[in-house]
N, C-alpha and C. Protein backbone atom coordinates (compact mmCIF):
# COMPACT_ATOMS: atom_id res chain seq x y z
N MET A 1 -13.44 14.22 10.02
CA MET A 1 -13.47 12.77 9.27
C MET A 1 -14.55 12.08 9.81
N ASP A 2 -15.66 11.99 9.14
CA ASP A 2 -16.95 11.37 9.60
C ASP A 2 -17.03 9.80 8.86
N TYR A 3 -15.96 9.26 8.51
CA TYR A 3 -16.05 7.76 7.83
C TYR A 3 -15.74 6.99 8.92
N MET A 4 -15.78 6.91 10.13
CA MET A 4 -15.46 5.77 10.97
C MET A 4 -16.59 4.97 11.04
N LEU A 5 -16.31 3.63 10.69
CA LEU A 5 -17.35 2.87 10.73
C LEU A 5 -17.32 1.76 11.91
N SER A 6 -16.30 0.97 12.04
CA SER A 6 -16.40 -0.15 12.71
C SER A 6 -14.72 -0.30 13.53
N GLU A 7 -14.60 -1.30 14.37
CA GLU A 7 -13.37 -1.38 14.82
C GLU A 7 -12.55 -2.23 13.68
N GLY A 8 -11.21 -2.26 13.76
CA GLY A 8 -10.45 -3.09 12.57
C GLY A 8 -9.15 -3.09 12.99
N ALA A 9 -8.32 -4.01 12.35
CA ALA A 9 -7.05 -3.95 12.26
C ALA A 9 -6.27 -2.85 11.39
N ALA A 10 -5.01 -2.52 11.35
CA ALA A 10 -4.50 -1.59 10.51
C ALA A 10 -2.99 -1.94 10.29
N GLY A 11 -2.56 -1.77 9.23
CA GLY A 11 -1.17 -1.82 8.77
C GLY A 11 -0.60 -0.58 8.52
N ILE A 12 0.82 -0.46 8.51
CA ILE A 12 1.46 0.97 8.31
C ILE A 12 2.18 0.87 7.18
N ILE A 13 1.99 1.87 6.35
CA ILE A 13 2.66 1.91 5.14
C ILE A 13 3.38 3.45 5.10
N ALA A 14 4.64 3.00 4.98
CA ALA A 14 5.39 4.25 4.90
C ALA A 14 6.57 4.22 3.72
N VAL A 15 7.07 5.62 3.44
CA VAL A 15 7.88 5.65 2.55
C VAL A 15 9.25 6.29 3.43
N ALA A 16 10.50 6.14 2.82
CA ALA A 16 11.44 6.68 3.71
C ALA A 16 12.75 6.81 2.57
N VAL A 17 13.84 7.41 3.00
CA VAL A 17 15.03 7.86 1.89
C VAL A 17 15.96 6.86 2.60
N MET A 18 16.72 5.82 2.02
CA MET A 18 17.59 5.01 2.71
C MET A 18 18.94 5.73 2.70
N LYS A 19 19.54 5.30 3.73
CA LYS A 19 20.89 5.92 4.13
C LYS A 19 21.77 6.32 2.94
N ASN A 20 22.04 5.50 2.16
CA ASN A 20 23.02 5.38 1.06
C ASN A 20 22.19 5.46 -0.17
N ALA A 21 21.17 6.09 -0.40
CA ALA A 21 20.30 5.99 -1.40
C ALA A 21 21.08 6.69 -2.48
N PRO A 22 21.36 6.38 -4.04
CA PRO A 22 21.86 6.79 -5.07
C PRO A 22 21.24 8.19 -5.18
N HIS A 23 20.20 8.45 -5.27
CA HIS A 23 19.43 9.73 -5.53
C HIS A 23 18.53 10.27 -4.39
N PRO A 24 19.28 10.72 -3.24
CA PRO A 24 18.47 10.96 -2.06
C PRO A 24 17.48 12.22 -2.23
N ASN A 25 17.66 13.19 -3.06
CA ASN A 25 17.06 14.21 -3.50
C ASN A 25 15.49 13.73 -4.11
N THR A 26 15.81 12.86 -5.06
CA THR A 26 14.78 12.43 -5.78
C THR A 26 13.87 11.74 -4.89
N ALA A 27 14.20 11.00 -3.97
CA ALA A 27 13.53 10.15 -2.98
C ALA A 27 12.60 11.21 -2.01
N TRP A 28 13.42 11.99 -1.47
CA TRP A 28 12.86 13.36 -0.70
C TRP A 28 11.59 14.01 -1.60
N LEU A 29 11.92 14.24 -2.78
CA LEU A 29 10.83 14.73 -3.67
C LEU A 29 9.52 13.81 -3.84
N PHE A 30 9.96 12.42 -3.71
CA PHE A 30 8.72 11.73 -3.85
C PHE A 30 8.03 11.36 -2.53
N ASN A 31 8.90 11.39 -1.53
CA ASN A 31 8.22 11.62 0.02
C ASN A 31 7.31 12.60 0.24
N ARG A 32 7.83 13.87 -0.29
CA ARG A 32 6.95 15.00 -0.16
C ARG A 32 5.69 14.96 -0.78
N TRP A 33 5.91 14.34 -2.36
CA TRP A 33 4.60 14.16 -3.01
C TRP A 33 3.59 13.26 -2.33
N ALA A 34 4.06 12.03 -1.89
CA ALA A 34 3.29 11.16 -1.58
C ALA A 34 2.55 11.66 -0.03
N ALA A 35 3.31 12.30 0.62
CA ALA A 35 2.60 12.92 1.98
C ALA A 35 1.43 14.22 1.70
N SER A 36 1.46 14.70 0.32
CA SER A 36 0.77 15.93 -0.25
C SER A 36 -0.67 15.54 -0.38
N GLU A 37 -1.22 16.51 -0.36
CA GLU A 37 -2.92 16.38 -1.01
C GLU A 37 -3.08 15.37 -2.18
N GLU A 38 -2.24 15.82 -3.22
CA GLU A 38 -2.24 15.36 -4.43
C GLU A 38 -1.75 13.76 -4.38
N GLY A 39 -0.73 13.38 -3.73
CA GLY A 39 -0.28 12.29 -3.49
C GLY A 39 -1.21 11.06 -2.70
N GLN A 40 -1.96 11.74 -1.65
CA GLN A 40 -2.75 11.04 -0.79
C GLN A 40 -3.87 10.84 -1.63
N THR A 41 -4.28 11.67 -2.28
CA THR A 41 -5.60 11.45 -3.35
C THR A 41 -5.21 10.00 -4.33
N VAL A 42 -4.03 10.10 -4.74
CA VAL A 42 -3.73 8.96 -5.57
C VAL A 42 -3.61 7.60 -4.89
N TYR A 43 -3.13 7.66 -3.56
CA TYR A 43 -3.33 6.53 -2.67
C TYR A 43 -4.73 6.14 -2.36
N SER A 44 -5.56 7.03 -2.04
CA SER A 44 -6.83 6.79 -1.84
C SER A 44 -7.67 6.07 -3.08
N LYS A 45 -7.28 6.70 -4.26
CA LYS A 45 -7.91 6.04 -5.41
C LYS A 45 -7.41 4.72 -5.57
N GLY A 46 -6.12 4.21 -4.91
CA GLY A 46 -5.59 2.94 -5.02
C GLY A 46 -6.07 2.06 -3.74
N GLY A 47 -6.85 2.54 -3.18
CA GLY A 47 -7.84 1.89 -2.07
C GLY A 47 -7.19 1.74 -0.65
N ARG A 48 -6.23 2.86 -0.74
CA ARG A 48 -5.45 3.05 0.66
C ARG A 48 -6.47 4.11 1.46
N THR A 49 -6.27 4.27 2.65
CA THR A 49 -6.91 5.04 3.74
C THR A 49 -5.80 6.33 3.75
N PRO A 50 -6.37 7.42 3.16
CA PRO A 50 -5.45 8.49 3.01
C PRO A 50 -4.94 9.17 4.68
N ALA A 51 -3.78 9.58 4.96
CA ALA A 51 -3.52 10.35 5.90
C ALA A 51 -3.86 11.72 6.20
N HIS A 52 -3.86 12.35 4.66
CA HIS A 52 -4.14 14.11 4.54
C HIS A 52 -5.31 14.11 5.14
N PRO A 53 -5.53 15.25 5.80
CA PRO A 53 -6.87 15.46 6.56
C PRO A 53 -7.80 15.96 5.45
N LYS A 54 -7.45 16.56 4.24
CA LYS A 54 -8.30 17.06 3.16
C LYS A 54 -8.61 15.91 2.31
N VAL A 55 -8.00 14.88 2.25
CA VAL A 55 -8.55 13.80 1.51
C VAL A 55 -9.18 12.79 2.10
N GLU A 56 -10.49 12.62 1.32
CA GLU A 56 -11.54 11.59 1.88
C GLU A 56 -11.20 10.11 1.23
N PRO A 57 -11.26 9.16 1.87
CA PRO A 57 -11.15 7.82 1.49
C PRO A 57 -11.88 7.48 0.34
N THR A 58 -11.54 6.52 -0.73
CA THR A 58 -12.64 6.35 -1.55
C THR A 58 -13.59 5.12 -1.11
N GLU A 59 -13.17 4.31 -0.16
CA GLU A 59 -14.02 3.38 0.48
C GLU A 59 -13.98 3.76 1.87
N LYS A 60 -15.13 4.14 2.74
CA LYS A 60 -15.28 4.45 4.00
C LYS A 60 -15.12 3.18 4.85
N ILE A 61 -13.62 3.17 5.10
CA ILE A 61 -13.26 1.83 6.00
C ILE A 61 -12.52 2.14 7.32
N ARG A 62 -12.27 3.43 7.61
CA ARG A 62 -11.58 3.86 8.72
C ARG A 62 -12.15 3.31 9.81
N PRO A 63 -11.56 2.38 10.78
CA PRO A 63 -12.16 1.80 11.95
C PRO A 63 -12.64 2.95 12.97
N ALA A 64 -13.66 2.84 13.66
CA ALA A 64 -14.28 3.54 14.69
C ALA A 64 -13.03 3.57 16.13
N VAL A 65 -12.47 2.60 16.07
CA VAL A 65 -11.61 2.56 17.44
C VAL A 65 -10.22 2.09 16.97
N ILE A 66 -9.25 2.92 17.46
CA ILE A 66 -7.98 2.98 16.99
C ILE A 66 -7.19 2.38 18.25
N TYR A 67 -6.30 1.30 18.07
CA TYR A 67 -5.51 0.91 19.13
C TYR A 67 -4.08 1.13 18.67
N PRO A 68 -3.48 2.35 19.33
CA PRO A 68 -2.00 2.56 19.01
C PRO A 68 -1.08 1.51 19.48
N VAL A 69 -0.04 1.29 18.86
CA VAL A 69 0.94 0.41 19.37
C VAL A 69 2.04 1.51 19.95
N GLY A 70 2.07 0.76 21.27
CA GLY A 70 3.10 1.81 22.11
C GLY A 70 4.59 0.78 22.15
N VAL A 71 5.36 1.48 23.10
CA VAL A 71 6.71 1.07 23.34
C VAL A 71 6.46 -0.27 24.02
N GLU A 72 5.64 -0.38 25.17
CA GLU A 72 5.55 -1.90 25.76
C GLU A 72 5.17 -2.86 24.48
N ASP A 73 4.33 -2.47 23.78
CA ASP A 73 3.74 -3.46 22.54
C ASP A 73 5.05 -4.02 21.85
N LEU A 74 5.81 -3.18 21.38
CA LEU A 74 7.01 -3.25 20.60
C LEU A 74 8.02 -4.17 21.37
N LYS A 75 8.00 -3.93 22.62
CA LYS A 75 9.04 -4.74 23.31
C LYS A 75 8.45 -6.29 23.50
N GLN A 76 7.33 -6.51 23.17
CA GLN A 76 6.80 -8.11 23.15
C GLN A 76 6.60 -8.55 21.85
N TYR A 77 7.15 -7.77 20.83
CA TYR A 77 6.85 -7.81 19.46
C TYR A 77 7.16 -9.61 19.15
N ALA A 78 8.20 -10.19 19.61
CA ALA A 78 8.35 -11.49 19.35
C ALA A 78 7.50 -12.34 19.97
N LYS A 79 6.83 -12.22 20.98
CA LYS A 79 5.62 -13.03 21.61
C LYS A 79 4.47 -12.90 20.71
N TYR A 80 4.26 -11.60 20.25
CA TYR A 80 2.96 -11.49 19.50
C TYR A 80 3.19 -12.02 17.86
N GLU A 81 4.52 -12.07 17.54
CA GLU A 81 4.97 -12.83 16.21
C GLU A 81 4.41 -14.24 16.33
N LYS A 82 4.94 -14.76 17.04
CA LYS A 82 4.88 -16.23 17.47
C LYS A 82 3.39 -16.49 17.53
N LEU A 83 2.94 -15.80 18.31
CA LEU A 83 1.30 -16.10 18.39
C LEU A 83 0.60 -15.93 17.11
N TRP A 84 0.86 -14.88 16.44
CA TRP A 84 0.31 -14.87 15.16
C TRP A 84 0.58 -16.09 13.96
N LYS A 85 1.91 -16.25 14.10
CA LYS A 85 2.13 -17.53 13.18
C LYS A 85 1.64 -18.77 13.46
N GLU A 86 1.25 -18.98 14.85
CA GLU A 86 0.66 -20.00 15.36
C GLU A 86 -0.74 -20.14 14.82
N VAL A 87 -1.43 -18.78 15.24
CA VAL A 87 -2.98 -18.94 14.71
C VAL A 87 -3.26 -19.07 13.43
N PHE A 88 -2.13 -18.52 12.61
CA PHE A 88 -2.42 -18.50 11.39
C PHE A 88 -1.57 -19.70 10.46
N LYS A 89 -1.25 -20.50 11.22
CA LYS A 89 -0.20 -21.69 10.77
C LYS A 89 0.73 -21.35 9.71
N LEU A 90 1.50 -20.11 10.26
CA LEU A 90 2.56 -19.66 9.21
C LEU A 90 3.88 -20.24 9.64
N ARG A 91 4.95 -20.48 8.93
CA ARG A 91 6.22 -20.62 9.15
C ARG A 91 7.04 -19.51 9.76
């Protein structure tokens, strides 16, 4: 993947099957498609950065430095959420 350009912030986009989904097999089929090369190509065309290694992003926006979120970060989520809301003046 040679489209790392700069540092940046990222969000997580996920698909899931809910515990009591009325049609869990349909949800699993969608999840498999979403993770497939075809599904990731559709996501890429929609402006998302694909996770599939064979799919190039439409826009070359993947950051050069990735800062993974670890267990210790998650333990301090409330602190960071409060700071985020203060900085951006959110309720």
